[in-house]
């Protein structure tokens, strides 16, 4: 706990003024017991308010003390009735209390402004973090797009169209295969979003006999705006297929969930 920051927050003045909730009062008492610095600050605030009140309170001394009055009574035979002067409003006393109330109100206002400023700083900080993330995402997306364009424009590239199969006739995809770099870009824009707990898996196929080899999963399919995925392919592929598999992928393709297929 940062004790100096806690003391500077103004909450101790609000506690002395009685402007906190019951739970906040209990927190202040708990901290004061644990930290002598906070207890000392509370006592200093109380002393300051008492000193301020005394400073503006009227200072009057009585013209007669008790002993002189008693002596006068004993030495006079006839007691004279002395008319008391009309009581006058003690404005200095009211001014003292008014000053104390203004001090408390000022401390409460300062605490409110401090809290509001902290909230604005937190919101501004979060907005900055979000903006930095958007910039980084845009940068990554741009780099990925440039890499894809360079791949597509490469003279050694092979483009394989993958058509929809029985389970999803309207599905389609494209594979951009660079045999030299042993890399394949899968454009999966034509595939529907997979259900929860399922993932698309890409297969390299040898046709005779049919031998599937997993090339990898199309991870983060829903959140990837481009839906272009780079996969390594060191295989001598004769065809490519995409199936829908349980999350984590499968060792062999589920041909009943074969979404797209295309020969090289």
C-alpha atoms as a PDB file:
ATOM      1  CA  UNK A   1       0.000   0.000   0.000  1.00  0.00           C
ATOM      2  CA  UNK A   2       1.321   3.482  -0.948  1.00  0.00           C
ATOM      3  CA  UNK A   3       0.718   5.335   2.355  1.00  0.00           C
ATOM      4  CA  UNK A   4       1.796   8.770   1.071  1.00  0.00           C
ATOM      5  CA  UNK A   5      -0.537   8.464  -1.923  1.00  0.00           C
ATOM      6  CA  UNK A   6      -3.377   7.352   0.351  1.00  0.00           C
ATOM      7  CA  UNK A   7      -2.851  10.334   2.688  1.00  0.00           C
ATOM      8  CA  UNK A   8      -2.656  12.742  -0.263  1.00  0.00           C
ATOM      9  CA  UNK A   9      -5.939  11.457  -1.745  1.00  0.00           C
ATOM     10  CA  UNK A  10      -8.023  13.581   0.691  1.00  0.00           C
ATOM     11  CA  UNK A  11      -9.976  10.636   2.102  1.00  0.00           C
ATOM     12  CA  UNK A  12      -8.672  11.271   5.656  1.00  0.00           C
ATOM     13  CA  UNK A  13     -10.115  14.816   5.622  1.00  0.00           C
ATOM     14  CA  UNK A  14     -13.479  13.417   4.457  1.00  0.00           C
ATOM     15  CA  UNK A  15     -13.334  10.876   7.292  1.00  0.00           C
ATOM     16  CA  UNK A  16     -12.829  13.668   9.874  1.00  0.00           C
ATOM     17  CA  UNK A  17     -15.671  15.599   8.226  1.00  0.00           C
ATOM     18  CA  UNK A  18     -18.008  12.597   8.446  1.00  0.00           C
ATOM     19  CA  UNK A  19     -18.553  12.572   4.681  1.00  0.00           C
ATOM     20  CA  UNK A  20     -17.672   8.883   4.052  1.00  0.00           C
ATOM     21  CA  UNK A  21     -19.871   5.801   3.990  1.00  0.00           C
ATOM     22  CA  UNK A  22     -19.823   3.299   6.851  1.00  0.00           C
ATOM     23  CA  UNK A  23     -17.654   0.863   4.868  1.00  0.00           C
ATOM     24  CA  UNK A  24     -15.196   3.630   3.946  1.00  0.00           C
ATOM     25  CA  UNK A  25     -15.016   4.720   7.608  1.00  0.00           C
ATOM     26  CA  UNK A  26     -14.184   1.140   8.643  1.00  0.00           C
ATOM     27  CA  UNK A  27     -11.442   1.002   5.981  1.00  0.00           C
ATOM     28  CA  UNK A  28      -9.871   4.221   7.305  1.00  0.00           C
ATOM     29  CA  UNK A  29      -9.964   2.919  10.890  1.00  0.00           C
ATOM     30  CA  UNK A  30      -8.385  -0.364   9.786  1.00  0.00           C
ATOM     31  CA  UNK A  31      -5.575   1.398   7.924  1.00  0.00           C
ATOM     32  CA  UNK A  32      -5.000   3.760  10.864  1.00  0.00           C
ATOM     33  CA  UNK A  33      -4.497   0.803  13.231  1.00  0.00           C
ATOM     34  CA  UNK A  34      -2.042  -0.844  10.837  1.00  0.00           C
ATOM     35  CA  UNK A  35      -0.085   2.265   9.833  1.00  0.00           C
ATOM     36  CA  UNK A  36       1.061   4.817  12.470  1.00  0.00           C
ATOM     37  CA  UNK A  37       1.614   7.372   9.702  1.00  0.00           C
ATOM     38  CA  UNK A  38      -2.106   7.375   8.872  1.00  0.00           C
ATOM     39  CA  UNK A  39      -3.079   7.610  12.560  1.00  0.00           C
ATOM     40  CA  UNK A  40      -0.696  10.535  13.004  1.00  0.00           C
ATOM     41  CA  UNK A  41      -2.179  12.270   9.949  1.00  0.00           C
ATOM     42  CA  UNK A  42      -5.718  11.851  11.346  1.00  0.00           C
ATOM     43  CA  UNK A  43      -4.642  13.417  14.637  1.00  0.00           C
ATOM     44  CA  UNK A  44      -2.929  16.260  12.781  1.00  0.00           C
ATOM     45  CA  UNK A  45      -6.080  17.006  10.753  1.00  0.00           C
ATOM     46  CA  UNK A  46      -8.229  17.008  13.892  1.00  0.00           C
ATOM     47  CA  UNK A  47      -5.748  19.352  15.612  1.00  0.00           C
ATOM     48  CA  UNK A  48      -5.776  21.691  12.605  1.00  0.00           C
ATOM     49  CA  UNK A  49      -9.584  21.959  12.609  1.00  0.00           C
ATOM     50  CA  UNK A  50      -9.665  22.571  16.381  1.00  0.00           C
ATOM     51  CA  UNK A  51      -6.970  25.264  16.042  1.00  0.00           C
ATOM     52  CA  UNK A  52      -8.890  26.912  13.195  1.00  0.00           C
ATOM     53  CA  UNK A  53     -12.118  26.938  15.206  1.00  0.00           C
ATOM     54  CA  UNK A  54     -10.382  28.420  18.246  1.00  0.00           C
ATOM     55  CA  UNK A  55      -8.712  31.055  16.119  1.00  0.00           C
ATOM     56  CA  UNK A  56     -12.005  32.445  14.829  1.00  0.00           C
ATOM     57  CA  UNK A  57     -13.998  31.942  18.064  1.00  0.00           C
ATOM     58  CA  UNK A  58     -14.635  35.084  20.183  1.00  0.00           C
ATOM     59  CA  UNK A  59     -12.211  35.813  23.010  1.00  0.00           C
ATOM     60  CA  UNK A  60     -14.158  37.497  25.823  1.00  0.00           C
ATOM     61  CA  UNK A  61     -13.193  37.929  29.427  1.00  0.00           C
ATOM     62  CA  UNK A  62     -15.685  38.655  32.141  1.00  0.00           C
ATOM     63  CA  UNK A  63     -15.557  42.089  33.721  1.00  0.00           C
ATOM     64  CA  UNK A  64     -16.234  40.599  37.126  1.00  0.00           C
ATOM     65  CA  UNK A  65     -15.014  37.337  38.524  1.00  0.00           C
ATOM     66  CA  UNK A  66     -16.923  35.235  41.044  1.00  0.00           C
ATOM     67  CA  UNK A  67     -14.941  36.464  44.069  1.00  0.00           C
ATOM     68  CA  UNK A  68     -15.599  40.141  43.344  1.00  0.00           C
ATOM     69  CA  UNK A  69     -19.330  39.543  42.903  1.00  0.00           C
ATOM     70  CA  UNK A  70     -19.534  37.634  46.188  1.00  0.00           C
ATOM     71  CA  UNK A  71     -17.665  40.463  48.021  1.00  0.00           C
ATOM     72  CA  UNK A  72     -20.026  43.069  46.598  1.00  0.00           C
ATOM     73  CA  UNK A  73     -23.088  41.106  47.720  1.00  0.00           C
ATOM     74  CA  UNK A  74     -21.795  40.677  51.258  1.00  0.00           C
ATOM     75  CA  UNK A  75     -20.992  44.402  51.651  1.00  0.00           C
ATOM     76  CA  UNK A  76     -24.223  45.831  50.299  1.00  0.00           C
ATOM     77  CA  UNK A  77     -27.273  45.984  52.483  1.00  0.00           C
ATOM     78  CA  UNK A  78     -29.661  46.624  49.699  1.00  0.00           C
ATOM     79  CA  UNK A  79     -29.411  44.491  46.655  1.00  0.00           C
ATOM     80  CA  UNK A  80     -29.823  46.490  43.530  1.00  0.00           C
ATOM     81  CA  UNK A  81     -31.371  44.894  40.479  1.00  0.00           C
ATOM     82  CA  UNK A  82     -29.157  45.565  37.534  1.00  0.00           C
ATOM     83  CA  UNK A  83     -30.759  45.411  34.113  1.00  0.00           C
ATOM     84  CA  UNK A  84     -28.843  43.124  31.801  1.00  0.00           C
ATOM     85  CA  UNK A  85     -28.027  44.483  28.399  1.00  0.00           C
ATOM     86  CA  UNK A  86     -29.888  42.977  25.489  1.00  0.00           C
ATOM     87  CA  UNK A  87     -28.108  39.905  24.138  1.00  0.00           C
ATOM     88  CA  UNK A  88     -26.321  40.623  20.902  1.00  0.00           C
ATOM     89  CA  UNK A  89     -25.755  38.144  18.115  1.00  0.00           C
ATOM     90  CA  UNK A  90     -22.301  36.611  18.394  1.00  0.00           C
ATOM     91  CA  UNK A  91     -21.353  36.831  14.696  1.00  0.00           C
ATOM     92  CA  UNK A  92     -17.725  35.827  15.281  1.00  0.00           C
ATOM     93  CA  UNK A  93     -18.857  32.428  16.577  1.00  0.00           C
ATOM     94  CA  UNK A  94     -21.008  31.863  13.491  1.00  0.00           C
ATOM     95  CA  UNK A  95     -18.090  32.874  11.279  1.00  0.00           C
ATOM     96  CA  UNK A  96     -15.909  30.271  12.984  1.00  0.00           C
ATOM     97  CA  UNK A  97     -18.354  27.473  12.259  1.00  0.00           C
ATOM     98  CA  UNK A  98     -18.905  28.754   8.723  1.00  0.00           C
ATOM     99  CA  UNK A  99     -15.154  28.660   8.107  1.00  0.00           C
ATOM    100  CA  UNK A 100     -14.974  25.062   9.348  1.00  0.00           C
ATOM    101  CA  UNK A 101     -17.873  24.032   7.104  1.00  0.00           C
ATOM    102  CA  UNK A 102     -16.247  25.724   4.103  1.00  0.00           C
ATOM    103  CA  UNK A 103     -12.987  23.906   4.839  1.00  0.00           C
ATOM    104  CA  UNK A 104     -14.754  20.541   4.952  1.00  0.00           C
ATOM    105  CA  UNK A 105     -16.702  21.313   1.762  1.00  0.00           C
ATOM    106  CA  UNK A 106     -13.469  22.310   0.029  1.00  0.00           C
ATOM    107  CA  UNK A 107     -11.779  19.058   1.051  1.00  0.00           C
ATOM    108  CA  UNK A 108     -14.765  17.057  -0.225  1.00  0.00           C
ATOM    109  CA  UNK A 109     -14.664  18.901  -3.553  1.00  0.00           C
ATOM    110  CA  UNK A 110     -10.932  18.259  -3.897  1.00  0.00           C
ATOM    111  CA  UNK A 111     -11.456  14.545  -3.225  1.00  0.00           C
ATOM    112  CA  UNK A 112     -14.227  14.370  -5.855  1.00  0.00           C
ATOM    113  CA  UNK A 113     -12.097  16.161  -8.440  1.00  0.00           C
ATOM    114  CA  UNK A 114      -9.132  13.885  -7.682  1.00  0.00           C
ATOM    115  CA  UNK A 115     -11.280  10.780  -8.157  1.00  0.00           C
ATOM    116  CA  UNK A 116     -12.706  12.098 -11.437  1.00  0.00           C
ATOM    117  CA  UNK A 117      -9.214  12.900 -12.735  1.00  0.00           C
ATOM    118  CA  UNK A 118      -7.976   9.394 -11.914  1.00  0.00           C
ATOM    119  CA  UNK A 119     -10.969   7.907 -13.778  1.00  0.00           C
ATOM    120  CA  UNK A 120     -10.260  10.065 -16.850  1.00  0.00           C
ATOM    121  CA  UNK A 121      -6.583   9.039 -16.809  1.00  0.00           C
ATOM    122  CA  UNK A 122      -7.530   5.343 -16.657  1.00  0.00           C
ATOM    123  CA  UNK A 123      -9.940   5.735 -19.582  1.00  0.00           C
ATOM    124  CA  UNK A 124      -7.304   7.614 -21.604  1.00  0.00           C
ATOM    125  CA  UNK A 125      -4.688   4.951 -20.822  1.00  0.00           C
ATOM    126  CA  UNK A 126      -7.025   2.136 -21.919  1.00  0.00           C
ATOM    127  CA  UNK A 127      -7.871   4.001 -25.140  1.00  0.00           C
ATOM    128  CA  UNK A 128      -4.136   4.321 -25.872  1.00  0.00           C
ATOM    129  CA  UNK A 129      -3.617   0.580 -25.331  1.00  0.00           C
ATOM    130  CA  UNK A 130      -6.541  -0.242 -27.657  1.00  0.00           C
ATOM    131  CA  UNK A 131      -5.214   2.087 -30.349  1.00  0.00           C
ATOM    132  CA  UNK A 132      -1.737   0.538 -30.141  1.00  0.00           C
ATOM    133  CA  UNK A 133      -3.275  -2.924 -30.527  1.00  0.00           C
ATOM    134  CA  UNK A 134      -5.286  -1.813 -33.575  1.00  0.00           C
ATOM    135  CA  UNK A 135      -2.150  -0.359 -35.151  1.00  0.00           C
ATOM    136  CA  UNK A 136      -0.218  -3.591 -34.486  1.00  0.00           C
ATOM    137  CA  UNK A 137      -3.067  -5.712 -35.897  1.00  0.00           C
ATOM    138  CA  UNK A 138      -3.225  -3.515 -39.004  1.00  0.00           C
ATOM    139  CA  UNK A 139       0.553  -3.799 -39.432  1.00  0.00           C
ATOM    140  CA  UNK A 140       0.436  -7.598 -39.160  1.00  0.00           C
ATOM    141  CA  UNK A 141      -2.480  -7.753 -41.580  1.00  0.00           C
ATOM    142  CA  UNK A 142      -0.603  -5.567 -44.083  1.00  0.00           C
ATOM    143  CA  UNK A 143       2.527  -7.724 -43.840  1.00  0.00           C
ATOM    144  CA  UNK A 144       0.410 -10.845 -44.343  1.00  0.00           C
ATOM    145  CA  UNK A 145      -1.295  -9.293 -47.387  1.00  0.00           C
ATOM    146  CA  UNK A 146       2.040  -8.288 -48.909  1.00  0.00           C
ATOM    147  CA  UNK A 147       3.404 -11.791 -48.354  1.00  0.00           C
ATOM    148  CA  UNK A 148       0.338 -13.287 -50.029  1.00  0.00           C
ATOM    149  CA  UNK A 149       0.631 -10.927 -53.009  1.00  0.00           C
ATOM    150  CA  UNK A 150       4.297 -11.785 -53.424  1.00  0.00           C
ATOM    151  CA  UNK A 151       3.407 -15.478 -53.307  1.00  0.00           C
ATOM    152  CA  UNK A 152       0.623 -15.167 -55.853  1.00  0.00           C
ATOM    153  CA  UNK A 153       2.825 -13.182 -58.225  1.00  0.00           C
ATOM    154  CA  UNK A 154       5.712 -15.665 -57.994  1.00  0.00           C
ATOM    155  CA  UNK A 155       6.331 -17.311 -61.381  1.00  0.00           C
ATOM    156  CA  UNK A 156       6.698 -20.743 -59.748  1.00  0.00           C
ATOM    157  CA  UNK A 157       3.348 -20.620 -57.963  1.00  0.00           C
ATOM    158  CA  UNK A 158       0.677 -23.248 -58.619  1.00  0.00           C
ATOM    159  CA  UNK A 159      -2.931 -22.261 -58.005  1.00  0.00           C
ATOM    160  CA  UNK A 160      -5.250 -25.122 -57.079  1.00  0.00           C
ATOM    161  CA  UNK A 161      -9.001 -24.540 -56.950  1.00  0.00           C
ATOM    162  CA  UNK A 162     -10.795 -26.551 -54.265  1.00  0.00           C
ATOM    163  CA  UNK A 163     -14.442 -27.175 -55.044  1.00  0.00           C
ATOM    164  CA  UNK A 164     -17.299 -27.827 -52.635  1.00  0.00           C
ATOM    165  CA  UNK A 165     -18.191 -31.434 -51.799  1.00  0.00           C
ATOM    166  CA  UNK A 166     -21.389 -33.225 -50.795  1.00  0.00           C
ATOM    167  CA  UNK A 167     -21.483 -31.953 -47.201  1.00  0.00           C
ATOM    168  CA  UNK A 168     -21.230 -28.305 -48.357  1.00  0.00           C
ATOM    169  CA  UNK A 169     -21.656 -27.946 -52.157  1.00  0.00           C
ATOM    170  CA  UNK A 170     -21.426 -24.145 -52.047  1.00  0.00           C
ATOM    171  CA  UNK A 171     -18.076 -24.149 -50.274  1.00  0.00           C
ATOM    172  CA  UNK A 172     -14.872 -23.307 -52.108  1.00  0.00           C
ATOM    173  CA  UNK A 173     -11.236 -22.453 -51.422  1.00  0.00           C
ATOM    174  CA  UNK A 174      -7.932 -21.899 -53.210  1.00  0.00           C
ATOM    175  CA  UNK A 175      -4.439 -23.190 -52.543  1.00  0.00           C
ATOM    176  CA  UNK A 176      -1.407 -21.163 -53.661  1.00  0.00           C
ATOM    177  CA  UNK A 177       1.486 -23.660 -53.637  1.00  0.00           C
ATOM    178  CA  UNK A 178       5.110 -22.705 -53.939  1.00  0.00           C
ATOM    179  CA  UNK A 179       6.951 -26.017 -54.277  1.00  0.00           C
ATOM    180  CA  UNK A 180      10.327 -24.348 -54.150  1.00  0.00           C
ATOM    181  CA  UNK A 181       9.668 -22.732 -50.763  1.00  0.00           C
ATOM    182  CA  UNK A 182       7.535 -25.702 -49.598  1.00  0.00           C
ATOM    183  CA  UNK A 183       4.750 -23.367 -48.555  1.00  0.00           C
ATOM    184  CA  UNK A 184       1.020 -23.234 -49.280  1.00  0.00           C
ATOM    185  CA  UNK A 185      -1.359 -20.325 -48.736  1.00  0.00           C
ATOM    186  CA  UNK A 186      -4.963 -21.429 -48.246  1.00  0.00           C
ATOM    187  CA  UNK A 187      -7.597 -18.829 -49.134  1.00  0.00           C
ATOM    188  CA  UNK A 188     -10.571 -20.111 -47.113  1.00  0.00           C
ATOM    189  CA  UNK A 189     -12.931 -17.177 -47.670  1.00  0.00           C
ATOM    190  CA  UNK A 190     -15.475 -19.537 -49.257  1.00  0.00           C
ATOM    191  CA  UNK A 191     -15.799 -21.802 -46.193  1.00  0.00           C
ATOM    192  CA  UNK A 192     -18.583 -21.301 -43.620  1.00  0.00           C
ATOM    193  CA  UNK A 193     -17.674 -20.620 -40.001  1.00  0.00           C
ATOM    194  CA  UNK A 194     -17.016 -23.913 -38.191  1.00  0.00           C
ATOM    195  CA  UNK A 195     -19.310 -24.879 -35.287  1.00  0.00           C
ATOM    196  CA  UNK A 196     -18.051 -24.521 -31.713  1.00  0.00           C
ATOM    197  CA  UNK A 197     -15.549 -27.234 -30.835  1.00  0.00           C
ATOM    198  CA  UNK A 198     -14.668 -27.897 -34.498  1.00  0.00           C
ATOM    199  CA  UNK A 199     -11.805 -26.754 -36.744  1.00  0.00           C
ATOM    200  CA  UNK A 200     -10.860 -26.999 -40.413  1.00  0.00           C
ATOM    201  CA  UNK A 201      -7.892 -29.251 -41.204  1.00  0.00           C
ATOM    202  CA  UNK A 202      -5.955 -29.155 -44.500  1.00  0.00           C
ATOM    203  CA  UNK A 203      -4.630 -32.363 -46.080  1.00  0.00           C
ATOM    204  CA  UNK A 204      -2.009 -33.079 -48.719  1.00  0.00           C
ATOM    205  CA  UNK A 205      -3.155 -36.096 -50.754  1.00  0.00           C
ATOM    206  CA  UNK A 206      -1.399 -38.760 -52.796  1.00  0.00           C
ATOM    207  CA  UNK A 207      -4.043 -40.275 -55.045  1.00  0.00           C
ATOM    208  CA  UNK A 208      -2.803 -43.794 -55.814  1.00  0.00           C
ATOM    209  CA  UNK A 209      -3.161 -45.216 -53.312  1.00  0.00           C
ATOM    210  CA  UNK A 210      -5.044 -42.458 -51.448  1.00  0.00           C
ATOM    211  CA  UNK A 211      -2.630 -41.264 -48.769  1.00  0.00           C
ATOM    212  CA  UNK A 212      -3.562 -38.184 -46.701  1.00  0.00           C
ATOM    213  CA  UNK A 213      -0.966 -36.147 -44.790  1.00  0.00           C
ATOM    214  CA  UNK A 214      -2.037 -33.358 -42.451  1.00  0.00           C
ATOM    215  CA  UNK A 215      -0.657 -29.932 -43.316  1.00  0.00           C
ATOM    216  CA  UNK A 216      -2.176 -28.165 -40.305  1.00  0.00           C
ATOM    217  CA  UNK A 217      -5.279 -26.451 -38.949  1.00  0.00           C
ATOM    218  CA  UNK A 218      -6.994 -23.215 -39.964  1.00  0.00           C
ATOM    219  CA  UNK A 219      -6.757 -21.756 -36.459  1.00  0.00           C
ATOM    220  CA  UNK A 220      -8.648 -18.598 -35.401  1.00  0.00           C
ATOM    221  CA  UNK A 221     -10.896 -18.943 -38.430  1.00  0.00           C
ATOM    222  CA  UNK A 222     -13.662 -16.734 -37.021  1.00  0.00           C
ATOM    223  CA  UNK A 223     -11.412 -13.858 -35.891  1.00  0.00           C
ATOM    224  CA  UNK A 224      -9.135 -13.848 -38.950  1.00  0.00           C
ATOM    225  CA  UNK A 225     -10.583 -11.170 -41.231  1.00  0.00           C
ATOM    226  CA  UNK A 226      -8.582 -12.206 -44.323  1.00  0.00           C
ATOM    227  CA  UNK A 227      -9.066 -15.943 -43.798  1.00  0.00           C
ATOM    228  CA  UNK A 228      -5.782 -16.607 -45.576  1.00  0.00           C
ATOM    229  CA  UNK A 229      -3.589 -19.153 -43.815  1.00  0.00           C
ATOM    230  CA  UNK A 230       0.067 -20.031 -44.449  1.00  0.00           C
ATOM    231  CA  UNK A 231       0.989 -23.704 -44.042  1.00  0.00           C
ATOM    232  CA  UNK A 232       4.200 -25.643 -44.626  1.00  0.00           C
ATOM    233  CA  UNK A 233       4.010 -28.349 -47.293  1.00  0.00           C
ATOM    234  CA  UNK A 234       7.139 -30.443 -47.890  1.00  0.00           C
ATOM    235  CA  UNK A 235       4.972 -33.164 -49.493  1.00  0.00           C
ATOM    236  CA  UNK A 236       4.719 -34.223 -53.131  1.00  0.00           C
ATOM    237  CA  UNK A 237       1.062 -33.306 -53.211  1.00  0.00           C
ATOM    238  CA  UNK A 238      -1.258 -34.488 -55.969  1.00  0.00           C
ATOM    239  CA  UNK A 239      -4.348 -32.909 -54.429  1.00  0.00           C
ATOM    240  CA  UNK A 240      -5.492 -30.835 -51.460  1.00  0.00           C
ATOM    241  CA  UNK A 241      -8.549 -31.345 -49.270  1.00  0.00           C
ATOM    242  CA  UNK A 242     -10.130 -29.569 -46.326  1.00  0.00           C
ATOM    243  CA  UNK A 243     -12.199 -31.422 -43.723  1.00  0.00           C
ATOM    244  CA  UNK A 244     -14.032 -30.370 -40.573  1.00  0.00           C
ATOM    245  CA  UNK A 245     -12.515 -32.059 -37.518  1.00  0.00           C
ATOM    246  CA  UNK A 246     -12.824 -31.870 -33.721  1.00  0.00           C
ATOM    247  CA  UNK A 247     -10.777 -29.113 -32.067  1.00  0.00           C
ATOM    248  CA  UNK A 248      -7.111 -30.072 -32.061  1.00  0.00           C
ATOM    249  CA  UNK A 249      -7.372 -31.939 -35.359  1.00  0.00           C
ATOM    250  CA  UNK A 250      -7.373 -35.615 -36.315  1.00  0.00           C
ATOM    251  CA  UNK A 251      -4.761 -38.161 -37.366  1.00  0.00           C
ATOM    252  CA  UNK A 252      -6.768 -39.074 -40.461  1.00  0.00           C
ATOM    253  CA  UNK A 253      -9.437 -37.105 -42.337  1.00  0.00           C
ATOM    254  CA  UNK A 254     -13.154 -37.586 -41.740  1.00  0.00           C
ATOM    255  CA  UNK A 255     -14.285 -37.968 -45.346  1.00  0.00           C
ATOM    256  CA  UNK A 256     -17.924 -37.525 -44.319  1.00  0.00           C
ATOM    257  CA  UNK A 257     -16.945 -33.955 -43.376  1.00  0.00           C
ATOM    258  CA  UNK A 258     -14.944 -33.247 -46.535  1.00  0.00           C
ATOM    259  CA  UNK A 259     -15.795 -29.645 -47.433  1.00  0.00           C
ATOM    260  CA  UNK A 260     -13.494 -28.922 -50.387  1.00  0.00           C
ATOM    261  CA  UNK A 261     -11.208 -30.952 -52.667  1.00  0.00           C
ATOM    262  CA  UNK A 262      -8.985 -30.069 -55.641  1.00  0.00           C
ATOM    263  CA  UNK A 263      -6.313 -31.809 -57.716  1.00  0.00           C
ATOM    264  CA  UNK A 264      -2.988 -30.192 -58.532  1.00  0.00           C
END
